[in-house]
Structures are given as structure tokens and as C-alpha cells.
Protein backbone atom coordinates (compact mmCIF):
# COMPACT_ATOMS: atom_id res chain seq x y z
CA MET A 1 163.32 55.84 50.86
CA ASP A 2 164.69 54.52 47.24
CA SER A 3 167.61 56.08 45.60
CA SER A 4 169.65 55.48 42.33
CA GLY A 5 172.28 57.21 41.10
CA LEU A 6 176.12 57.61 40.93
CA GLU A 7 178.28 57.16 43.86
CA ILE A 8 181.44 58.84 43.75
CA GLU A 9 184.01 58.76 46.46
CA ALA A 10 187.35 58.42 47.63
CA LYS A 11 188.41 55.90 50.26
CA PHE A 12 191.65 56.57 52.87
CA HIS A 13 193.52 54.28 55.46
CA LEU A 14 193.68 56.02 58.76
CA ALA A 15 196.35 55.46 61.37
CA ASN A 16 194.72 58.05 63.93
CA LEU A 17 190.83 57.73 63.57
CA PRO A 18 190.09 59.42 66.55
CA GLU A 19 192.18 62.43 65.28
CA VAL A 20 190.40 62.43 61.90
CA GLU A 21 186.95 62.66 63.50
CA ARG A 22 188.16 65.54 65.76
CA ARG A 23 189.37 67.71 62.31
CA VAL A 24 185.75 66.65 60.89
CA ARG A 25 184.12 68.26 63.55
CA GLN A 26 186.65 71.38 63.57
CA LEU A 27 185.71 71.69 60.01
CA GLY A 28 181.94 71.96 60.89
CA GLY A 29 180.95 68.61 60.50
CA ARG A 30 177.67 67.48 61.43
CA LEU A 31 176.62 64.33 62.93
CA VAL A 32 174.32 62.42 60.85
CA GLN A 33 174.58 58.94 61.86
CA PRO A 34 176.04 58.11 65.10
CA ARG A 35 178.50 54.99 65.46
CA VAL A 36 176.45 51.64 64.62
CA LEU A 37 177.45 48.15 63.79
CA GLU A 38 176.86 47.48 60.14
CA MET A 39 176.20 43.46 59.09
CA ASN A 40 176.58 43.17 55.47
CA TYR A 41 175.73 40.01 53.37
CA ARG A 42 176.91 39.88 49.77
CA PHE A 43 174.94 37.77 47.24
CA ASP A 44 176.37 35.86 44.11
CA THR A 45 174.97 33.13 41.61
CA PRO A 46 176.36 29.55 42.55
CA THR A 47 178.64 30.00 39.67
CA GLY A 48 180.43 33.08 40.93
CA ASP A 49 179.03 35.38 38.08
CA LEU A 50 178.56 38.83 39.72
CA ARG A 51 181.88 39.20 41.34
CA PRO A 52 184.22 38.79 38.19
CA ALA A 53 181.66 41.18 36.71
CA LYS A 54 182.24 43.93 39.30
CA ARG A 55 178.51 43.78 40.44
CA VAL A 56 177.66 43.94 43.58
CA LEU A 57 174.23 42.78 45.40
CA ARG A 58 174.22 43.23 49.21
CA LEU A 59 171.69 43.20 51.97
CA ARG A 60 172.97 45.20 54.91
CA LYS A 61 171.41 45.76 58.12
CA ASP A 62 172.14 48.93 60.41
CA HIS A 63 169.80 51.12 62.13
CA ALA A 64 167.81 49.75 58.90
CA CYS A 65 167.45 47.39 56.35
CA HIS A 66 169.02 48.13 52.86
CA LEU A 67 168.92 46.14 49.41
CA THR A 68 171.79 47.44 47.19
CA TYR A 69 173.01 46.76 43.76
CA LYS A 70 176.03 48.13 42.59
CA ALA A 71 177.35 48.61 38.98
CA PRO A 72 180.63 48.30 37.39
CA GLY A 73 182.32 51.25 38.16
CA SER A 74 185.69 53.27 37.39
CA THR A 75 188.54 54.85 39.46
CA THR A 76 190.45 57.61 37.91
CA ASP A 77 192.99 59.01 40.05
CA GLY A 78 191.99 57.85 43.77
CA VAL A 79 188.05 58.67 42.87
CA SER A 80 186.01 55.82 42.34
CA THR A 81 182.51 56.02 40.36
CA ARG A 82 179.86 53.66 39.77
CA CYS A 83 176.01 53.43 39.62
CA GLU A 84 174.25 52.23 42.44
CA ILE A 85 170.66 51.69 43.38
CA GLU A 86 169.52 51.29 47.20
CA THR A 87 166.06 50.81 48.76
CA VAL A 88 164.95 50.44 52.52
CA ILE A 89 163.18 46.96 53.55
CA ASP A 90 161.19 46.38 56.16
CA ASP A 91 162.24 42.70 56.79
CA LEU A 92 165.95 41.53 56.09
CA GLU A 93 165.08 37.90 56.41
CA ALA A 94 162.42 37.95 54.20
CA ALA A 95 164.51 39.74 51.23
CA ARG A 96 167.16 37.24 51.69
CA ALA A 97 164.50 34.25 51.16
CA ILE A 98 163.49 35.84 48.12
CA LEU A 99 167.24 36.73 46.81
CA GLU A 100 167.89 32.85 47.65
CA ALA A 101 164.76 31.69 45.84
CA LEU A 102 165.84 33.65 42.62
CA GLY A 103 168.96 31.24 42.82
CA TYR A 104 171.35 34.13 44.73
CA GLN A 105 173.46 32.62 48.00
CA VAL A 106 175.22 34.60 50.65
CA VAL A 107 179.17 34.31 49.53
CA PHE A 108 180.66 37.08 52.00
CA VAL A 109 179.97 38.23 55.42
CA TYR A 110 181.56 41.59 56.87
CA GLU A 111 180.88 44.01 59.14
CA LYS A 112 181.94 47.16 60.43
CA TYR A 113 181.11 50.41 62.61
CA ARG A 114 180.28 53.37 60.91
CA THR A 115 179.65 57.20 61.78
CA VAL A 116 178.63 59.68 59.33
CA TYR A 117 179.03 63.29 59.17
CA ALA A 118 177.92 65.83 56.73
CA LEU A 119 180.47 68.42 55.91
CA GLU A 120 180.24 70.71 53.29
CA ALA A 121 178.49 69.36 50.28
CA ALA A 122 180.30 66.14 51.18
CA HIS A 123 179.80 63.01 53.36
CA VAL A 124 182.47 61.93 55.31
CA MET A 125 181.96 58.06 56.82
CA LEU A 126 184.47 56.93 59.49
CA ASP A 127 184.64 53.10 59.25
CA GLU A 128 186.02 50.53 61.81
CA LEU A 129 187.06 47.12 60.27
CA PRO A 130 188.37 44.35 62.21
CA TYR A 131 191.43 44.62 59.87
CA GLY A 132 191.64 48.60 60.56
CA ASP A 133 190.21 51.76 60.04
CA PHE A 134 189.16 53.66 57.13
CA LEU A 135 187.84 57.23 55.83
CA GLU A 136 185.42 57.66 52.93
CA ILE A 137 184.15 60.86 51.43
CA GLU A 138 181.46 60.73 49.37
CA GLY A 139 180.43 63.96 46.98
CA GLU A 140 181.06 65.43 43.45
CA ASP A 141 185.23 64.84 42.33
CA LYS A 142 185.94 68.55 43.14
CA ASP A 143 184.33 68.14 46.49
CA ILE A 144 185.98 65.12 47.69
CA ARG A 145 189.26 66.50 46.70
CA ALA A 146 188.79 70.07 48.40
CA LEU A 147 188.03 68.20 51.41
CA ALA A 148 190.19 65.67 51.66
CA GLY A 149 193.31 68.56 51.75
CA ARG A 150 191.25 70.24 54.52
CA LEU A 151 191.58 67.39 56.58
CA ARG A 152 194.88 66.89 55.73
CA LEU A 153 195.03 63.83 54.22
CA ASP A 154 197.48 62.31 52.02
CA TRP A 155 195.78 62.18 48.41
CA SER A 156 198.71 59.54 46.85
CA ALA A 157 197.56 57.19 49.57
CA ALA A 158 194.02 56.89 48.52
CA VAL A 159 192.49 52.79 48.39
CA THR A 160 191.08 52.42 45.32
CA ALA A 161 190.04 48.82 45.92
CA GLY A 162 186.99 47.89 48.20
CA TYR A 163 186.80 46.27 51.70
CA HIS A 164 186.47 42.78 50.19
CA ALA A 165 189.40 43.21 47.96
CA LEU A 166 191.45 44.05 50.88
CA TYR A 167 190.35 40.96 52.89
CA GLU A 168 191.41 39.29 49.86
CA ARG A 169 195.05 40.79 50.10
CA LEU A 170 194.82 39.91 53.72
CA ARG A 171 193.90 36.09 53.05
CA ALA A 172 196.57 35.82 50.60
CA ARG A 173 198.80 36.31 53.80
CA ARG A 174 197.34 34.59 56.69
CA PRO A 175 194.68 31.57 56.93
CA LEU A 176 191.56 33.28 57.40
CA ASP A 177 187.87 32.46 56.70
CA PRO A 178 187.10 33.19 52.78
CA ALA A 179 183.46 33.82 53.41
CA ARG A 180 183.41 35.86 57.00
CA LEU A 181 184.95 38.91 57.98
CA THR A 182 183.81 39.75 61.61
CA PHE A 183 185.54 41.08 64.81
CA ASP A 184 185.00 37.64 66.58
CA SER A 185 186.41 35.75 63.54
CA MET A 186 189.74 38.10 63.72
CA GLN A 187 189.47 38.93 67.59
CA GLY A 188 193.12 39.20 68.92
CA LEU A 189 194.62 39.90 65.49
CA LYS A 190 197.10 42.84 64.91
CA ILE A 191 196.84 43.60 61.20
CA ALA A 192 199.69 45.81 59.66
CA PRO A 193 199.00 48.28 57.06
CA GLU A 194 201.01 46.49 54.39
CA GLU A 195 199.33 43.21 54.89
CA LEU A 196 196.32 45.17 53.18
CA SER A 197 198.79 47.11 50.70
CA VAL A 198 197.70 50.52 51.93
CA SER A 199 199.14 53.28 53.56
CA PRO A 200 198.03 55.69 56.17
CA ALA A 201 196.52 58.56 54.75
CA ASP A 202 196.77 60.76 58.24
CA ALA A 203 200.29 59.86 58.80
């Protein structure tokens, strides 16, 4: 299935993901994607033109393979909005070969576990990354804000940075691989929220 439209979401760092997932279920959340490992490959030109322009070209593999483009977006009071075009593809390696033949190259690889619930008029994504746990709510602005309140999340703790940008904050404090954010590469490391410049919204 292909999709094109606005991605409207808010992101929060979590101290206790299982407890927040319990709240999601209590509110009637319906599991639409069981916990799955995602592998994400970010592409850019050899001169790195996409990232400064806040454009994203990505291949992702979870239960399927996806090719995604994200346009520059905006953030207003914790809610991020940007145009996203995504399509499901049959062969990730073939797609990667096409992108590389066009001159793009993989500049960043990261993985996370993601669980997705449908709740009211929104989707709730529970993300486990090597440096911590997060929740994203995707939907209309008013629905996102209302649902965050019902989940007892502190709106002032909303995270406006993407996962790559959060990793760059961490790399400013620790000698980590600039191109790879994986569970193996960070095995045994204990990361404090302040190293990412975030605060738990469920504290």
C-alpha cells in the first residue's frame, strides 16, 4: 500500500514503558502491530545534502519493507508536522541498489523495537531504542493532545528532536559510532535521559 500525506505526531521519552502500555490498554487500545524489530537505513548524497535541508530518504525493514521520503517539517508546541510519502516494496536489497546507483549512500543505520496500538482517533507507537524508550502519538493535533492527557503524559516534556538528532546529542558526550545505532553497538551502556537532553513524560 502506498501512502502520501501529512505526518502529525508528538514524541515523549518514557521511564516506564510497560506501565504506559498498560494505560494504553486500559483506555481501549487495540494492538495493530505486535512488537517487532525495525532496521532503518538513512540515505544521503555523497556531499550530505539531504540532512541540512531536513529531508529524509529511508529504507525500513520490519514485518515488511518500506521506502519513505519525508519533506522538511515544522514543530508547534510539541507537535511535529511534515509531508511523508511511503510505499511497501518487495525487495529491500534491490531498492538499496537502485538508490545507490542513483548516487545515494547509507549514512546512518539504526534499529528499534516498535509496538503499535490504535486508540481512539490516533495511533500510539511504543519504541524501544538502544538509548531509551519512547512513545509517539500520531493523529490530528487535537486528538494527540487529548490522548496525551488521558495517558497522563507531561506535555511540557514532549520531544521535538528525531531519533537521529537524539543520537547526535549522545555522541557529543560519548565516543560512539556516528553511522550506527544498534543494540549490539551499545550493549552494556546505561544512558541517562539528561545525556539526550530529554525528561521522562511519565515520571
